[in-house]
C-alpha atoms as a PDB file:
ATOM      1  CA  MET A   1      20.789   5.690   5.749  1.00  0.00           C
ATOM      2  CA  PHE A   2      17.308   6.808   4.782  1.00  0.00           C
ATOM      3  CA  ALA A   3      14.293   4.613   4.037  1.00  0.00           C
ATOM      4  CA  GLU A   4      11.200   5.966   2.313  1.00  0.00           C
ATOM      5  CA  ILE A   5       8.570   3.952   4.155  1.00  0.00           C
ATOM      6  CA  ARG A   6       5.255   5.294   2.963  1.00  0.00           C
ATOM      7  CA  GLU A   7       2.949   3.131   5.043  1.00  0.00           C
ATOM      8  CA  PRO A   8       0.948   5.169   7.573  1.00  0.00           C
ATOM      9  CA  LEU A   9       1.746   4.697  11.266  1.00  0.00           C
ATOM     10  CA  ARG A  10      -1.846   3.685  11.994  1.00  0.00           C
ATOM     11  CA  SER A  11      -1.953   1.033   9.311  1.00  0.00           C
ATOM     12  CA  LEU A  12      -3.496  -2.287  10.301  1.00  0.00           C
ATOM     13  CA  THR A  13      -0.787  -4.340   8.606  1.00  0.00           C
ATOM     14  CA  TYR A  14       2.608  -5.409   9.873  1.00  0.00           C
ATOM     15  CA  LYS A  15       3.934  -6.163   6.389  1.00  0.00           C
ATOM     16  CA  ALA A  16       6.062  -3.042   6.313  1.00  0.00           C
ATOM     17  CA  GLY A  17       9.755  -3.834   6.198  1.00  0.00           C
ATOM     18  CA  VAL A  18      12.581  -2.890   8.483  1.00  0.00           C
ATOM     19  CA  VAL A  19      15.474  -1.543   6.429  1.00  0.00           C
ATOM     20  CA  SER A  20      18.895  -2.236   7.914  1.00  0.00           C
ATOM     21  CA  LEU A  21      22.638  -2.122   7.286  1.00  0.00           C
ATOM     22  CA  TRP A  22      24.865  -4.915   8.616  1.00  0.00           C
ATOM     23  CA  GLU A  23      28.597  -5.630   8.724  1.00  0.00           C
ATOM     24  CA  ASN A  24      30.116  -8.910   9.955  1.00  0.00           C
ATOM     25  CA  GLY A  25      26.803 -10.041  11.456  1.00  0.00           C
ATOM     26  CA  ILE A  26      26.374  -6.818  13.448  1.00  0.00           C
ATOM     27  CA  GLU A  27      23.520  -4.426  12.721  1.00  0.00           C
ATOM     28  CA  LEU A  28      24.934  -0.918  12.246  1.00  0.00           C
ATOM     29  CA  CYS A  29      21.614   0.869  11.843  1.00  0.00           C
ATOM     30  CA  SER A  30      17.999   0.300  10.880  1.00  0.00           C
ATOM     31  CA  ARG A  31      14.907   2.246   9.878  1.00  0.00           C
ATOM     32  CA  SER A  32      11.269   1.243  10.243  1.00  0.00           C
ATOM     33  CA  ARG A  33       7.905   2.916   9.789  1.00  0.00           C
ATOM     34  CA  ASP A  34       8.281   4.250  13.347  1.00  0.00           C
ATOM     35  CA  THR A  35      11.780   5.670  12.701  1.00  0.00           C
ATOM     36  CA  LYS A  36      11.821   7.295   9.278  1.00  0.00           C
ATOM     37  CA  LEU A  37      14.409  10.037   9.804  1.00  0.00           C
ATOM     38  CA  PRO A  38      17.912   9.492   8.390  1.00  0.00           C
ATOM     39  CA  LYS A  39      20.318   7.541  10.594  1.00  0.00           C
ATOM     40  CA  PHE A  40      24.024   8.362  10.774  1.00  0.00           C
ATOM     41  CA  VAL A  41      26.744   6.044  12.115  1.00  0.00           C
ATOM     42  CA  GLU A  42      30.523   6.451  12.251  1.00  0.00           C
ATOM     43  CA  LEU A  43      32.420   4.194   9.857  1.00  0.00           C
ATOM     44  CA  PRO A  44      36.208   3.928   9.996  1.00  0.00           C
ATOM     45  CA  PRO A  45      38.190   4.274   6.771  1.00  0.00           C
ATOM     46  CA  GLY A  46      39.139   1.033   5.046  1.00  0.00           C
ATOM     47  CA  ALA A  47      37.551  -1.976   3.396  1.00  0.00           C
ATOM     48  CA  HIS A  48      34.014  -2.927   4.439  1.00  0.00           C
ATOM     49  CA  ARG A  49      31.667  -5.688   3.336  1.00  0.00           C
ATOM     50  CA  PHE A  50      28.125  -4.502   4.028  1.00  0.00           C
ATOM     51  CA  GLU A  51      24.844  -6.369   3.862  1.00  0.00           C
ATOM     52  CA  PHE A  52      21.777  -4.286   3.043  1.00  0.00           C
ATOM     53  CA  LYS A  53      18.531  -5.890   4.233  1.00  0.00           C
ATOM     54  CA  VAL A  54      14.797  -5.366   4.144  1.00  0.00           C
ATOM     55  CA  LEU A  55      13.231  -7.658   6.749  1.00  0.00           C
ATOM     56  CA  ARG A  56       9.517  -8.388   6.743  1.00  0.00           C
ATOM     57  CA  VAL A  57       8.120 -10.348   9.672  1.00  0.00           C
ATOM     58  CA  ARG A  58       4.679 -11.215   8.313  1.00  0.00           C
ATOM     59  CA  ALA A  59       5.018 -10.872   4.563  1.00  0.00           C
ATOM     60  CA  GLY A  60       7.827 -13.445   4.344  1.00  0.00           C
ATOM     61  CA  LYS A  61       9.573 -11.667   1.477  1.00  0.00           C
ATOM     62  CA  SER A  62      12.745 -10.392   3.080  1.00  0.00           C
ATOM     63  CA  THR A  63      15.532  -9.364   0.737  1.00  0.00           C
ATOM     64  CA  SER A  64      19.230  -8.611   1.075  1.00  0.00           C
ATOM     65  CA  PHE A  65      22.372  -8.014  -0.940  1.00  0.00           C
ATOM     66  CA  GLN A  66      26.049  -7.533  -0.128  1.00  0.00           C
ATOM     67  CA  LYS A  67      28.375  -4.832  -1.350  1.00  0.00           C
ATOM     68  CA  ALA A  68      32.074  -4.295  -0.729  1.00  0.00           C
ATOM     69  CA  VAL A  69      33.076  -0.679  -0.170  1.00  0.00           C
ATOM     70  CA  ASP A  70      36.535   0.813   0.384  1.00  0.00           C
ATOM     71  CA  LEU A  71      36.094   4.058   2.312  1.00  0.00           C
ATOM     72  CA  LYS A  72      38.819   6.672   2.389  1.00  0.00           C
ATOM     73  CA  GLU A  73      39.203   9.253   5.156  1.00  0.00           C
ATOM     74  CA  GLY A  74      36.316  11.748   5.025  1.00  0.00           C
ATOM     75  CA  GLN A  75      34.168   9.797   2.549  1.00  0.00           C
ATOM     76  CA  ILE A  76      30.513   9.185   3.332  1.00  0.00           C
ATOM     77  CA  LEU A  77      28.557   6.040   2.459  1.00  0.00           C
ATOM     78  CA  VAL A  78      25.003   6.940   1.444  1.00  0.00           C
ATOM     79  CA  ALA A  79      22.268   4.269   1.349  1.00  0.00           C
ATOM     80  CA  LEU A  80      18.706   5.099   0.272  1.00  0.00           C
ATOM     81  CA  CYS A  81      15.957   2.484   0.202  1.00  0.00           C
ATOM     82  CA  ASP A  82      12.386   2.457  -1.085  1.00  0.00           C
ATOM     83  CA  PRO A  83      11.025  -0.905   0.098  1.00  0.00           C
ATOM     84  CA  VAL A  84       7.994  -2.675  -1.341  1.00  0.00           C
ATOM     85  CA  GLN A  85       4.902  -1.847   0.659  1.00  0.00           C
ATOM     86  CA  SER A  86       2.008  -3.945  -0.501  1.00  0.00           C
ATOM     87  CA  ASN A  87      -0.794  -2.155   1.346  1.00  0.00           C
ATOM     88  CA  VAL A  88      -0.123   1.410   0.225  1.00  0.00           C
ATOM     89  CA  PHE A  89      -3.182   2.791  -1.539  1.00  0.00           C
ATOM     90  CA  TYR A  90      -2.322   6.453  -2.023  1.00  0.00           C
ATOM     91  CA  ARG A  91       0.852   5.944  -4.073  1.00  0.00           C
ATOM     92  CA  ARG A  92       2.041   2.924  -6.020  1.00  0.00           C
ATOM     93  CA  SER A  93       4.787   0.964  -4.335  1.00  0.00           C
ATOM     94  CA  PRO A  94       7.723  -0.357  -6.384  1.00  0.00           C
ATOM     95  CA  ASP A  95       7.597  -4.035  -7.456  1.00  0.00           C
ATOM     96  CA  ALA A  96      10.957  -4.752  -5.786  1.00  0.00           C
ATOM     97  CA  ASP A  97      12.969  -3.178  -2.995  1.00  0.00           C
ATOM     98  CA  THR A  98      14.892  -0.296  -4.569  1.00  0.00           C
ATOM     99  CA  TRP A  99      18.310   0.685  -3.221  1.00  0.00           C
ATOM    100  CA  GLU A 100      20.695   3.483  -4.167  1.00  0.00           C
ATOM    101  CA  VAL A 101      24.131   3.039  -2.596  1.00  0.00           C
ATOM    102  CA  GLY A 102      27.118   5.251  -3.214  1.00  0.00           C
ATOM    103  CA  VAL A 103      30.090   7.029  -1.705  1.00  0.00           C
ATOM    104  CA  VAL A 104      30.345  10.804  -1.484  1.00  0.00           C
ATOM    105  CA  SER A 105      33.667  12.606  -1.121  1.00  0.00           C
ATOM    106  CA  PRO A 106      33.920  15.977   0.646  1.00  0.00           C
END
């Protein structure tokens, strides 16, 4: 999972979201403005029901959606997120959290 969080580390706001991937109420991985590098986790083959979340503590506009995915042996789930960041001045933030989710076969 990779999140493009464009808010500077020294920003005075805490409105930046935490982007996370959940399954069955368990957080599999998350990215924040302090941890921007891609995160990799092992997923067993089979049916999965994931919840993709952007949590915002102070902004109060958290979002989420669910997606069922059937992974075969060797396939890779790829999740990219560009969350809304209201206090970014140097580049326009999207109006809504933008996700790209797909499965890549070797």
